[in-house]
Amino acid sequence: MNKINDWNWVEIPNGRSAAVAKYNDHKLPEYNNNPLIQALPTILSGEEFIEKAIILPSYAPEERELDAHRRFHCVERLSRYFQPLNKTVNLQQVMCALLMQGYIARNISKPEYARRSRQIYEAIKARDGKNLDVYVNVPTSTSASGLTLIGPSGMGKSTNFINILNLYPQVILHPEYSTYQIVWLKVDCPHAGSLKGLCTDIFLGIDRLLGTNYFKKFGASRNSEDYMLAQVAQIAHTHHLGVLVIDEMQNLVTARRSCSDMLNFLVKMDNIIGVPVIRIGTNEAFPILQGNFRNARRGTGEGSVIWDRMRNDDEWYFFMETMWEYQWTKISTDFSDEFNDVFYDESQGIIDIAIKLYKMVQWRAISLGGKEAINANLIKQSAKDGLFLVKPMLSAIRSGDKEWMIKYKDIAPIDTTEYYNNCLSNLETKDLKEISRLAKKQQTENGHLSATQRHIILKLLELDVEPQLAKECAAQVVNSGEEDADIPILIKQAYALALGGKVQEATVTKVRTHTLKAKPKYQINDIRQIAEKAKKNQTSAYEGLKSTGIIKDPVQDFITIT
């Protein structure tokens, strides 16, 4: 994926990197006289955006020949699959316009920029961040505006936005102006709806980007809310914040205090400071974001976008057909209208569920073994077992009953870990059953498997050797020599045979020739030779050593009787 790798980068104090500004010609005069806009990437067409933003998992057809455990890991690559849709392209175009238009009234080469800095400083001295309009002159035609993005969980709102934002370097260094430009900052709405909590998150976010210590200086609990809000305004102005993205706006629904304070402040960030604010939330946030903005135009900005589930149309078919190419089952099954309709019915056009269900289907097919061919029944069974937590929500959507749908405001997040572990457990159980079956067959054919053979077979199976070949190799190396030989050596010999692809006695002999110990060379009265001879004569080694004079008689040789 080609994003921002062609920029020059420099390290900044916190160990992170900033892109060095290079000033582009955007072909528009209102953009080309502002360094903050000129430093942004050029405006992309829809085709150029898709080419840069698409994320396709790595894949090679020969990977379908890998062992099952490795293919389980391959399937997980689908978690990173991202296919821009028509609404993604539209969102990127809106985002690009918001960003560039928001900088028009904030030109660091104009005297108005310095004047605005002094005015915000007056609000800081008065510790009055909620009334910025009292201290700061509002431009007659401010260029900033906000955006509201609402939709159920799992629709890809945050994912799409992050992939759009990642097309821009987050921090740009302007050496000529000795300043950093923060192109975008994303934070989550505090659960308590606290403005102090929002300010704290912004301080921490900028500290992580620039290595500053704003949280330590301004985030202390003793500081008033108004003081912290004024500092946020000043920091956003000083570091030329392009857009402020606030996710999880539905948290305001359960806030302990009125949500109007936060929404009013965000409006002022738009109107007075000139920073476009993008609000992202689930359907729960819709009544708040629609009804609580004092300025309706600022509330909608470039437009309130409803990010709903996909319809079963050509775009859905294209999305599924593209994803279907990434298949790690032994048999590659072609996509069809039947698969398309079954997947839509089970996921109801929710992107997150569709991707996770496709992962579950492949895990299930691999764990069951056999041909590993995907079919409609396999999809339905995988959905039944893996999506049971969201089944009530999906049933409500499928019914079209609005009252029932309201009961389930959002789709619960799906964790595929348990389903993955279950499929993997089934696969391992099947392997153990194969080992047991092999042992029983060997007992029937040859009477029994020795402990050494069973140990060698288990090790070979762990090394991905086929069960039958493992059995044959183990038998060859054990039968060709002493069974009490060093087991690790026998395992190496058996594995060498397995890698050769066929079992041959000559190969075993050849391998063993290099691994047998050479016979020792004895000297006169060599203790080893005396001990061996005593053993053959069925006497103790002590007697043998004594008879040769190596062991002395303590009474006769060392005690003198007077």
Protein backbone atom coordinates (compact mmCIF):
# COMPACT_ATOMS: atom_id res chain seq x y z
CA MET A 1 0.00 0.00 0.00
CA ASN A 2 1.57 3.30 -1.09
CA LYS A 3 0.89 6.00 1.47
CA ILE A 4 3.41 8.57 2.69
CA ASN A 5 6.67 6.67 2.29
CA ASP A 6 8.05 9.12 -0.28
CA TRP A 7 8.42 11.93 2.29
CA ASN A 8 11.67 12.92 3.96
CA TRP A 9 11.52 12.30 7.70
CA VAL A 10 13.38 13.68 10.71
CA GLU A 11 13.40 12.52 14.31
CA ILE A 12 11.77 14.75 16.91
CA PRO A 13 12.43 14.83 20.70
CA ASN A 14 10.02 12.05 21.67
CA GLY A 15 11.69 9.51 19.41
CA ARG A 16 8.98 9.74 16.78
CA SER A 17 9.33 11.24 13.31
CA ALA A 18 8.00 14.26 11.46
CA ALA A 19 7.77 14.71 7.71
CA VAL A 20 9.79 17.61 6.34
CA ALA A 21 7.49 20.05 4.56
CA LYS A 22 7.60 20.09 0.79
CA TYR A 23 5.33 22.66 -0.78
CA ASN A 24 3.05 21.36 -3.52
CA ASP A 25 1.24 23.18 -6.27
CA HIS A 26 -2.46 22.49 -5.72
CA LYS A 27 -3.45 24.50 -8.84
CA LEU A 28 -5.73 26.74 -6.74
CA PRO A 29 -4.65 30.27 -5.69
CA GLU A 30 -6.35 30.18 -2.27
CA TYR A 31 -4.31 27.05 -1.48
CA ASN A 32 -0.98 28.05 -3.00
CA ASN A 33 -0.45 31.15 -0.85
CA ASN A 34 -0.68 29.22 2.45
CA PRO A 35 2.31 27.09 3.57
CA LEU A 36 0.11 24.91 5.82
CA ILE A 37 -2.01 23.90 2.83
CA GLN A 38 0.86 23.65 0.38
CA ALA A 39 2.58 21.17 2.73
CA LEU A 40 -0.37 18.76 2.45
CA PRO A 41 -0.37 15.93 -0.12
CA THR A 42 -1.90 16.79 -3.46
CA ILE A 43 -5.63 16.38 -4.02
CA LEU A 44 -6.39 12.82 -5.12
CA SER A 45 -8.88 11.58 -7.67
CA GLY A 46 -11.10 8.68 -6.67
CA GLU A 47 -8.92 6.21 -8.58
CA GLU A 48 -5.71 7.54 -7.02
CA PHE A 49 -7.22 7.32 -3.54
CA ILE A 50 -8.31 3.69 -3.98
CA GLU A 51 -4.86 2.75 -5.25
CA LYS A 52 -3.20 4.27 -2.18
CA ALA A 53 -5.73 3.19 0.46
CA ILE A 54 -6.54 -0.40 -0.49
CA ILE A 55 -5.10 -3.06 1.85
CA LEU A 56 -4.96 -6.57 0.43
CA PRO A 57 -3.56 -9.48 2.46
CA SER A 58 -0.46 -11.22 1.14
CA TYR A 59 -1.38 -14.45 -0.59
CA ALA A 60 0.18 -17.20 -2.71
CA PRO A 61 -1.83 -20.15 -4.11
CA GLU A 62 0.86 -22.61 -3.00
CA GLU A 63 0.11 -21.65 0.62
CA ARG A 64 -2.94 -23.92 0.38
CA GLU A 65 -0.46 -26.82 0.52
CA LEU A 66 0.89 -25.77 3.92
CA ASP A 67 -0.01 -27.74 7.03
CA ALA A 68 -3.27 -26.86 8.74
CA HIS A 69 -1.73 -25.02 11.69
CA ARG A 70 0.14 -22.60 9.43
CA ARG A 71 -2.94 -21.99 7.28
CA PHE A 72 -4.84 -21.01 10.44
CA HIS A 73 -2.39 -18.13 10.74
CA CYS A 74 -2.72 -17.26 7.05
CA VAL A 75 -6.49 -16.83 7.43
CA GLU A 76 -5.88 -14.24 10.16
CA ARG A 77 -4.43 -11.93 7.48
CA LEU A 78 -8.02 -11.15 6.48
CA SER A 79 -8.25 -8.96 9.60
CA ARG A 80 -6.19 -6.38 7.72
CA TYR A 81 -8.27 -6.54 4.54
CA PHE A 82 -9.57 -3.11 3.51
CA GLN A 83 -11.48 -2.46 0.30
CA PRO A 84 -12.52 1.20 -0.20
CA LEU A 85 -16.18 1.54 -1.16
CA ASN A 86 -17.99 4.34 -2.96
CA LYS A 87 -18.85 6.00 0.34
CA THR A 88 -15.19 5.71 1.38
CA VAL A 89 -14.17 7.69 -1.69
CA ASN A 90 -16.83 10.31 -0.93
CA LEU A 91 -15.70 10.54 2.69
CA GLN A 92 -12.10 11.04 1.63
CA GLN A 93 -13.08 13.89 -0.68
CA VAL A 94 -15.07 15.58 2.10
CA MET A 95 -12.19 15.07 4.53
CA CYS A 96 -9.68 16.59 2.10
CA ALA A 97 -11.89 19.66 1.57
CA LEU A 98 -12.42 20.11 5.34
CA LEU A 99 -8.71 19.96 6.01
CA MET A 100 -7.67 22.41 3.31
CA GLN A 101 -10.55 24.82 3.84
CA GLY A 102 -9.90 24.83 7.57
CA TYR A 103 -6.41 26.24 7.02
CA ILE A 104 -7.46 29.13 4.77
CA ALA A 105 -8.12 31.52 7.68
CA ARG A 106 -5.03 30.26 9.56
CA ASN A 107 -2.15 31.35 7.37
CA ILE A 108 1.14 31.53 9.30
CA SER A 109 2.53 34.00 6.76
CA LYS A 110 -0.23 36.54 7.49
CA PRO A 111 -0.33 39.02 10.43
CA GLU A 112 -3.81 37.79 11.40
CA TYR A 113 -2.24 34.57 12.69
CA ALA A 114 -0.10 36.37 15.30
CA ARG A 115 -3.05 38.58 16.27
CA ARG A 116 -5.19 35.50 16.91
CA SER A 117 -2.46 34.05 19.14
CA ARG A 118 -2.47 37.16 21.35
CA GLN A 119 -6.24 37.11 21.63
CA ILE A 120 -6.33 33.47 22.73
CA TYR A 121 -3.64 34.28 25.28
CA GLU A 122 -5.99 36.85 26.81
CA ALA A 123 -8.56 34.08 27.32
CA ILE A 124 -5.88 31.99 29.04
CA LYS A 125 -4.97 34.82 31.44
CA ALA A 126 -8.64 35.24 32.28
CA ARG A 127 -8.94 31.46 32.71
CA ASP A 128 -12.06 31.59 30.57
CA GLY A 129 -12.06 28.94 27.85
CA LYS A 130 -15.80 28.64 27.51
CA ASN A 131 -16.16 32.23 26.30
CA LEU A 132 -13.49 32.36 23.62
CA ASP A 133 -15.69 34.57 21.47
CA VAL A 134 -15.33 37.37 24.04
CA TYR A 135 -11.57 37.51 23.52
CA VAL A 136 -11.06 36.30 19.96
CA ASN A 137 -12.32 38.11 16.90
CA VAL A 138 -14.44 35.75 14.85
CA PRO A 139 -13.65 36.09 11.13
CA THR A 140 -16.51 37.43 9.05
CA SER A 141 -16.39 34.25 7.01
CA THR A 142 -14.57 31.51 8.86
CA SER A 143 -13.53 28.66 6.60
CA ALA A 144 -13.77 25.77 9.06
CA SER A 145 -16.75 23.49 9.36
CA GLY A 146 -17.45 20.19 11.02
CA LEU A 147 -18.60 16.76 10.00
CA THR A 148 -20.76 14.21 11.77
CA LEU A 149 -20.43 10.52 10.89
CA ILE A 150 -23.04 8.20 12.42
CA GLY A 151 -23.77 4.51 11.95
CA PRO A 152 -24.05 1.17 13.77
CA SER A 153 -20.97 -0.58 15.10
CA GLY A 154 -19.15 -2.80 12.64
CA MET A 155 -19.87 -0.58 9.63
CA GLY A 156 -16.22 0.44 9.34
CA LYS A 157 -16.62 4.10 10.30
CA SER A 158 -13.48 4.38 12.41
CA THR A 159 -11.51 1.99 10.20
CA ASN A 160 -12.32 3.96 7.07
CA PHE A 161 -11.48 7.24 8.73
CA ILE A 162 -8.16 6.02 10.09
CA ASN A 163 -7.17 4.67 6.66
CA ILE A 164 -8.03 8.05 5.15
CA LEU A 165 -6.08 9.97 7.79
CA ASN A 166 -3.08 7.69 7.31
CA LEU A 167 -2.67 9.09 3.82
CA TYR A 168 -1.43 12.26 5.53
CA PRO A 169 1.71 12.57 7.66
CA GLN A 170 0.43 13.31 11.14
CA VAL A 171 3.22 15.78 11.92
CA ILE A 172 4.96 18.05 9.41
CA LEU A 173 8.07 20.11 10.23
CA HIS A 174 8.36 23.54 8.56
CA PRO A 175 12.09 24.43 8.95
CA GLU A 176 11.56 27.81 7.27
CA TYR A 177 8.98 28.81 9.91
CA SER A 178 10.49 26.82 12.83
CA THR A 179 7.18 25.18 13.61
CA TYR A 180 5.45 21.83 13.67
CA GLN A 181 2.10 21.28 11.96
CA ILE A 182 -0.17 18.59 13.44
CA VAL A 183 -2.33 17.57 10.51
CA TRP A 184 -4.78 15.47 12.53
CA LEU A 185 -5.44 14.28 16.04
CA LYS A 186 -7.91 11.56 17.03
CA VAL A 187 -9.21 11.05 20.57
CA ASP A 188 -12.16 9.21 22.10
CA CYS A 189 -15.00 11.03 23.78
CA PRO A 190 -14.69 10.59 27.59
CA HIS A 191 -17.27 8.24 29.11
CA ALA A 192 -18.24 10.81 31.72
CA GLY A 193 -18.71 13.53 29.11
CA SER A 194 -16.13 15.57 31.00
CA LEU A 195 -14.54 18.55 29.28
CA LYS A 196 -11.54 18.13 31.56
CA GLY A 197 -11.25 14.55 30.37
CA LEU A 198 -11.34 15.71 26.74
CA CYS A 199 -8.64 18.32 27.42
CA THR A 200 -6.46 15.76 29.20
CA ASP A 201 -6.69 13.36 26.24
CA ILE A 202 -5.75 16.15 23.83
CA PHE A 203 -2.75 17.16 25.98
CA LEU A 204 -1.55 13.54 26.12
CA GLY A 205 -2.12 13.03 22.38
CA ILE A 206 0.01 16.04 21.45
CA ASP A 207 2.69 15.09 23.99
CA ARG A 208 2.98 11.69 22.31
CA LEU A 209 3.38 13.32 18.91
CA LEU A 210 5.80 16.14 19.76
CA GLY A 211 7.47 15.10 23.02
CA THR A 212 6.01 18.13 24.80
CA ASN A 213 4.82 18.14 28.43
CA TYR A 214 1.43 19.84 28.10
CA PHE A 215 -0.27 17.26 30.29
CA LYS A 216 2.18 17.91 33.12
CA LYS A 217 1.86 21.71 32.76
CA PHE A 218 -1.89 22.06 32.21
CA GLY A 219 -3.54 18.73 33.03
CA ALA A 220 -3.38 18.94 36.82
CA SER A 221 -6.73 18.37 38.53
CA ARG A 222 -6.38 21.68 40.39
CA ASN A 223 -6.64 23.58 37.10
CA SER A 224 -10.11 24.76 36.23
CA GLU A 225 -12.05 23.46 33.28
CA ASP A 226 -12.13 26.92 31.67
CA TYR A 227 -8.36 27.29 31.98
CA MET A 228 -7.74 23.89 30.37
CA LEU A 229 -10.14 24.66 27.51
CA ALA A 230 -8.31 27.91 26.77
CA GLN A 231 -4.99 26.03 26.75
CA VAL A 232 -6.42 23.47 24.29
CA ALA A 233 -7.45 26.34 22.00
CA GLN A 234 -3.99 27.90 22.20
CA ILE A 235 -2.18 24.58 21.60
CA ALA A 236 -4.41 23.76 18.61
CA HIS A 237 -3.64 27.22 17.21
CA THR A 238 0.11 27.12 17.96
CA HIS A 239 0.65 23.69 16.40
CA HIS A 240 -1.69 24.32 13.47
CA LEU A 241 -4.02 21.41 14.16
CA GLY A 242 -5.69 20.46 10.87
CA VAL A 243 -8.67 18.42 12.09
CA LEU A 244 -9.74 17.15 15.50
CA VAL A 245 -11.45 13.75 15.28
CA ILE A 246 -13.54 12.69 18.27
CA ASP A 247 -14.67 9.07 18.16
CA GLU A 248 -17.20 7.24 20.36
CA MET A 249 -19.51 10.25 20.67
CA GLN A 250 -22.26 7.92 21.93
CA ASN A 251 -20.46 8.06 25.28
CA LEU A 252 -22.27 11.36 25.85
CA VAL A 253 -25.55 9.43 26.18
CA THR A 254 -24.53 8.07 29.59
CA ALA A 255 -22.52 11.15 30.64
CA ARG A 256 -22.95 12.26 34.24
CA ARG A 257 -23.32 15.89 33.19
CA SER A 258 -25.09 17.72 30.41
CA CYS A 259 -23.53 17.06 27.03
CA SER A 260 -24.27 20.59 25.83
CA ASP A 261 -21.04 22.03 27.35
CA MET A 262 -18.84 19.74 25.30
CA LEU A 263 -20.83 20.22 22.11
CA ASN A 264 -20.78 23.99 22.53
CA PHE A 265 -17.01 23.97 22.98
CA LEU A 266 -16.54 21.87 19.85
CA VAL A 267 -18.63 24.39 17.93
CA LYS A 268 -16.29 27.15 19.13
CA MET A 269 -13.26 25.17 18.00
CA ASP A 270 -14.90 25.25 14.57
CA ASN A 271 -16.08 28.86 14.60
CA ILE A 272 -13.40 30.74 16.51
CA ILE A 273 -10.14 28.77 16.35
CA GLY A 274 -10.89 27.49 12.87
CA VAL A 275 -10.17 23.79 13.57
CA PRO A 276 -12.69 21.48 11.84
CA VAL A 277 -14.11 18.96 14.31
CA ILE A 278 -15.18 15.54 13.06
CA ARG A 279 -17.56 13.65 15.33
CA ILE A 280 -17.95 9.89 14.95
CA GLY A 281 -20.56 7.89 16.83
CA THR A 282 -23.04 5.05 16.72
CA ASN A 283 -26.79 5.44 16.29
CA GLU A 284 -27.15 6.18 19.99
CA ALA A 285 -25.42 9.53 19.41
CA PHE A 286 -27.79 10.62 16.65
CA PRO A 287 -30.38 12.48 18.81
CA ILE A 288 -27.61 14.34 20.66
CA LEU A 289 -25.59 15.35 17.62
CA GLN A 290 -28.70 16.27 15.63
CA GLY A 291 -30.56 18.27 18.27
CA ASN A 292 -28.00 19.83 20.60
CA PHE A 293 -25.93 21.99 18.29
CA ARG A 294 -26.85 25.63 18.61
CA ASN A 295 -25.67 26.34 15.10
CA ALA A 296 -27.29 23.87 12.72
CA ARG A 297 -24.89 24.70 9.92
CA ARG A 298 -21.90 24.07 12.16
CA GLY A 299 -23.47 20.87 13.42
CA THR A 300 -23.75 19.42 9.97
CA GLY A 301 -20.79 21.23 8.40
CA GLU A 302 -20.06 19.58 5.10
CA GLY A 303 -22.92 17.22 5.83
CA SER A 304 -23.98 14.64 8.37
CA VAL A 305 -23.06 11.27 6.94
CA ILE A 306 -25.12 8.22 7.88
CA TRP A 307 -22.82 5.22 7.54
CA ASP A 308 -25.33 2.40 7.23
CA ARG A 309 -24.91 -1.27 6.44
CA MET A 310 -24.33 -2.31 2.84
CA ARG A 311 -27.14 -3.32 0.55
CA ASN A 312 -27.15 -6.59 -1.37
CA ASP A 313 -26.23 -4.93 -4.64
CA ASP A 314 -23.34 -4.82 -7.11
CA GLU A 315 -21.04 -3.11 -4.62
CA TRP A 316 -21.64 -5.82 -2.01
CA TYR A 317 -21.01 -8.49 -4.64
CA PHE A 318 -17.75 -6.77 -5.63
CA PHE A 319 -16.65 -6.52 -1.98
CA MET A 320 -17.30 -10.23 -1.33
CA GLU A 321 -15.89 -11.44 -4.64
CA THR A 322 -12.64 -9.54 -4.04
CA MET A 323 -12.27 -10.92 -0.51
CA TRP A 324 -13.14 -14.45 -1.72
CA GLU A 325 -9.86 -14.62 -3.66
CA TYR A 326 -8.00 -15.01 -0.36
CA GLN A 327 -8.74 -18.62 0.40
CA TRP A 328 -6.43 -21.02 2.23
CA THR A 329 -8.50 -24.21 2.10
CA LYS A 330 -7.03 -27.14 0.15
CA ILE A 331 -9.63 -26.70 -2.58
CA SER A 332 -10.27 -23.20 -3.93
CA THR A 333 -14.04 -22.76 -4.29
CA ASP A 334 -15.28 -20.25 -6.87
CA PHE A 335 -17.52 -17.42 -5.71
CA SER A 336 -21.17 -17.69 -6.73
CA ASP A 337 -24.53 -15.97 -6.38
CA GLU A 338 -25.48 -18.56 -3.76
CA PHE A 339 -22.45 -17.76 -1.60
CA ASN A 340 -23.11 -14.05 -2.06
CA ASP A 341 -26.71 -14.32 -0.84
CA VAL A 342 -25.89 -16.64 2.07
CA PHE A 343 -23.15 -14.33 3.30
CA TYR A 344 -25.41 -11.31 3.04
CA ASP A 345 -28.20 -13.05 4.93
CA GLU A 346 -25.86 -14.12 7.72
CA SER A 347 -24.05 -10.77 8.04
CA GLN A 348 -26.86 -8.40 6.96
CA GLY A 349 -24.35 -6.29 5.06
CA ILE A 350 -22.26 -5.46 8.14
CA ILE A 351 -18.65 -5.38 6.93
CA ASP A 352 -16.99 -6.40 10.20
CA ILE A 353 -19.26 -9.44 10.53
CA ALA A 354 -18.78 -10.46 6.89
CA ILE A 355 -14.97 -10.45 7.20
CA LYS A 356 -14.98 -12.33 10.51
CA LEU A 357 -17.50 -14.86 9.22
CA TYR A 358 -15.29 -15.58 6.21
CA LYS A 359 -12.39 -16.24 8.59
CA MET A 360 -14.58 -18.58 10.65
CA VAL A 361 -15.69 -20.49 7.56
CA GLN A 362 -12.11 -21.17 6.52
CA TRP A 363 -11.03 -22.16 10.03
CA ARG A 364 -13.95 -24.58 10.23
CA ALA A 365 -13.21 -26.10 6.81
CA ILE A 366 -9.54 -26.59 7.68
CA SER A 367 -10.29 -28.09 11.10
CA LEU A 368 -12.79 -30.57 9.64
CA GLY A 369 -10.20 -31.81 7.15
CA GLY A 370 -11.09 -33.87 4.11
CA LYS A 371 -11.54 -31.90 0.89
CA GLU A 372 -11.85 -28.60 2.82
CA ALA A 373 -14.32 -27.23 0.27
CA ILE A 374 -16.52 -24.28 1.27
CA ASN A 375 -20.27 -24.74 0.78
CA ALA A 376 -23.46 -22.99 1.85
CA ASN A 377 -24.11 -25.35 4.77
CA LEU A 378 -20.61 -24.74 6.13
CA ILE A 379 -21.22 -20.97 6.03
CA LYS A 380 -24.55 -21.31 7.87
CA GLN A 381 -23.11 -23.60 10.52
CA SER A 382 -20.14 -21.29 11.08
CA ALA A 383 -22.53 -18.36 11.50
CA LYS A 384 -24.68 -20.35 13.92
CA ASP A 385 -21.72 -21.30 16.11
CA GLY A 386 -19.58 -18.16 15.79
CA LEU A 387 -22.12 -15.33 15.65
CA PHE A 388 -24.46 -16.44 18.41
CA LEU A 389 -23.74 -13.31 20.51
CA VAL A 390 -25.00 -10.98 17.77
CA LYS A 391 -27.80 -13.26 16.55
CA PRO A 392 -30.56 -11.22 18.29
CA MET A 393 -29.29 -8.00 16.69
CA LEU A 394 -29.02 -9.59 13.26
CA SER A 395 -32.50 -11.08 13.60
CA ALA A 396 -33.86 -7.63 14.45
CA ILE A 397 -32.21 -6.12 11.36
CA ARG A 398 -33.37 -9.01 9.19
CA SER A 399 -36.97 -8.56 10.36
CA GLY A 400 -37.16 -4.90 9.40
CA ASP A 401 -39.15 -4.27 12.61
CA LYS A 402 -38.10 -0.75 13.68
CA GLU A 403 -39.20 -1.18 17.29
CA TRP A 404 -37.23 -4.39 17.53
CA MET A 405 -34.21 -2.74 15.89
CA ILE A 406 -34.31 0.17 18.36
CA LYS A 407 -34.02 -2.35 21.19
CA TYR A 408 -30.59 -3.27 19.81
CA LYS A 409 -29.07 0.15 19.14
CA ASP A 410 -25.71 -1.25 18.12
CA ILE A 411 -24.13 -4.49 17.04
CA ALA A 412 -21.98 -5.90 19.81
CA PRO A 413 -18.28 -6.26 18.87
CA ILE A 414 -17.34 -9.76 17.77
CA ASP A 415 -14.29 -11.52 19.19
CA THR A 416 -13.22 -14.45 17.00
CA THR A 417 -10.63 -15.72 19.49
CA GLU A 418 -12.93 -18.32 21.07
CA TYR A 419 -14.06 -19.65 17.69
CA TYR A 420 -10.44 -19.79 16.50
CA ASN A 421 -9.42 -21.74 19.59
CA ASN A 422 -12.33 -24.17 19.20
CA CYS A 423 -11.41 -24.92 15.58
CA LEU A 424 -7.74 -25.28 16.49
CA SER A 425 -8.66 -27.61 19.35
CA ASN A 426 -10.68 -29.77 16.94
CA LEU A 427 -7.68 -29.92 14.63
CA GLU A 428 -5.32 -30.98 17.42
CA THR A 429 -7.81 -33.59 18.65
CA LYS A 430 -7.94 -35.01 15.14
CA ASP A 431 -4.13 -35.23 15.09
CA LEU A 432 -4.12 -37.11 18.40
CA LYS A 433 -6.78 -39.47 17.11
CA GLU A 434 -4.61 -40.16 14.06
CA ILE A 435 -1.66 -40.98 16.30
CA SER A 436 -3.83 -43.32 18.38
CA ARG A 437 -5.22 -44.98 15.24
CA LEU A 438 -1.70 -45.47 13.93
CA ALA A 439 -0.59 -47.05 17.22
CA LYS A 440 -3.52 -49.48 17.21
CA LYS A 441 -2.85 -50.43 13.60
CA GLN A 442 0.79 -51.09 14.40
CA GLN A 443 -0.19 -53.27 17.35
CA THR A 444 -2.44 -55.31 15.06
CA GLU A 445 0.23 -55.71 12.37
CA ASN A 446 3.38 -56.15 14.43
CA GLY A 447 2.14 -57.01 17.88
CA HIS A 448 3.03 -53.71 19.55
CA LEU A 449 4.88 -50.42 19.15
CA SER A 450 7.86 -49.97 21.37
CA ALA A 451 8.13 -46.90 23.58
CA THR A 452 11.06 -45.71 21.43
CA GLN A 453 9.04 -46.00 18.23
CA ARG A 454 6.08 -44.13 19.73
CA HIS A 455 8.41 -41.35 20.90
CA ILE A 456 10.03 -41.04 17.46
CA ILE A 457 6.61 -41.00 15.72
CA LEU A 458 5.30 -38.22 17.97
CA LYS A 459 8.38 -36.08 17.29
CA LEU A 460 8.10 -36.63 13.54
CA LEU A 461 4.41 -35.66 13.58
CA GLU A 462 5.36 -32.45 15.37
CA LEU A 463 7.78 -31.82 12.48
CA ASP A 464 4.84 -32.14 10.02
CA VAL A 465 5.80 -35.60 8.72
CA GLU A 466 2.83 -37.57 7.38
CA PRO A 467 1.67 -40.23 9.90
CA GLN A 468 2.31 -43.27 7.68
CA LEU A 469 5.76 -42.05 6.69
CA ALA A 470 6.56 -41.29 10.35
CA LYS A 471 5.66 -44.86 11.31
CA GLU A 472 7.82 -46.39 8.58
CA CYS A 473 10.83 -44.20 9.34
CA ALA A 474 10.60 -44.94 13.07
CA ALA A 475 10.43 -48.67 12.41
CA GLN A 476 13.46 -48.57 10.08
CA VAL A 477 15.81 -46.74 12.45
CA VAL A 478 14.78 -48.84 15.46
CA ASN A 479 14.95 -52.19 13.64
CA SER A 480 18.33 -51.43 12.06
CA GLY A 481 20.17 -51.07 15.36
CA GLU A 482 19.98 -51.31 19.11
CA GLU A 483 16.72 -49.97 20.53
CA ASP A 484 18.49 -48.53 23.56
CA ALA A 485 20.55 -46.24 21.31
CA ASP A 486 20.44 -42.48 21.89
CA ILE A 487 16.83 -41.45 21.08
CA PRO A 488 17.68 -37.93 19.79
CA ILE A 489 20.06 -39.57 17.30
CA LEU A 490 17.33 -41.98 16.21
CA ILE A 491 14.93 -39.06 15.75
CA LYS A 492 17.45 -37.23 13.56
CA GLN A 493 17.97 -40.38 11.49
CA ALA A 494 14.22 -40.91 11.10
CA TYR A 495 13.69 -37.26 10.11
CA ALA A 496 16.52 -37.48 7.57
CA LEU A 497 14.74 -40.48 6.06
CA ALA A 498 11.45 -38.60 5.97
CA LEU A 499 13.02 -35.64 4.17
CA GLY A 500 14.38 -38.10 1.57
CA GLY A 501 10.83 -39.00 0.67
CA LYS A 502 11.21 -42.79 0.89
CA VAL A 503 12.52 -45.38 3.31
CA GLN A 504 15.53 -47.45 2.29
CA GLU A 505 17.60 -49.79 4.44
CA ALA A 506 20.80 -48.61 2.76
CA THR A 507 20.02 -45.04 3.78
CA VAL A 508 19.51 -46.09 7.38
CA THR A 509 22.77 -47.98 7.41
CA LYS A 510 24.55 -45.01 5.91
CA VAL A 511 23.14 -42.64 8.49
CA ARG A 512 23.96 -44.98 11.36
CA THR A 513 27.54 -45.49 10.12
CA HIS A 514 28.25 -41.86 10.89
CA THR A 515 26.55 -41.90 14.26
CA LEU A 516 27.90 -45.15 15.88
CA LYS A 517 30.75 -44.64 18.31
CA ALA A 518 34.21 -45.94 17.30
CA LYS A 519 35.66 -48.86 19.35
CA PRO A 520 38.12 -47.61 21.97
CA LYS A 521 41.85 -48.44 21.76
CA TYR A 522 43.01 -50.18 24.97
CA GLN A 523 46.43 -49.89 26.65
CA ILE A 524 48.14 -52.49 28.86
CA ASN A 525 46.17 -52.98 32.11
CA ASP A 526 43.48 -50.60 30.80
CA ILE A 527 40.85 -50.34 33.54
CA ARG A 528 38.01 -50.36 30.97
CA GLN A 529 39.26 -53.62 29.44
CA ILE A 530 39.77 -55.25 32.89
CA ALA A 531 36.22 -54.27 33.95
CA GLU A 532 34.72 -55.71 30.74
CA LYS A 533 36.66 -58.97 31.14
CA ALA A 534 35.51 -59.32 34.77
CA LYS A 535 31.93 -58.81 33.66
CA LYS A 536 32.25 -61.60 31.05
CA ASN A 537 33.75 -63.92 33.72
CA GLN A 538 30.78 -63.08 35.96
CA THR A 539 33.01 -61.59 38.66
CA SER A 540 32.99 -58.10 40.06
CA ALA A 541 35.10 -55.33 38.60
CA TYR A 542 36.65 -54.96 42.06
CA GLU A 543 38.01 -58.53 42.01
CA GLY A 544 39.35 -58.05 38.49
CA LEU A 545 41.20 -54.88 39.41
CA LYS A 546 42.50 -56.48 42.62
CA SER A 547 43.85 -59.54 40.81
CA THR A 548 45.93 -57.35 38.49
CA GLY A 549 47.40 -55.42 41.38
CA ILE A 550 45.71 -52.15 40.58
CA ILE A 551 43.78 -52.36 43.86
CA LYS A 552 46.01 -53.11 46.88
CA ASP A 553 45.18 -55.17 49.96
CA PRO A 554 45.21 -52.63 52.81
CA VAL A 555 46.20 -55.17 55.47
CA GLN A 556 49.07 -56.83 53.63
CA ASP A 557 50.42 -53.85 51.74
CA PHE A 558 49.97 -50.89 54.08
CA ILE A 559 49.90 -52.20 57.67
CA THR A 560 53.20 -53.31 59.26
CA ILE A 561 52.89 -55.74 62.19
CA THR A 562 55.64 -55.44 64.78
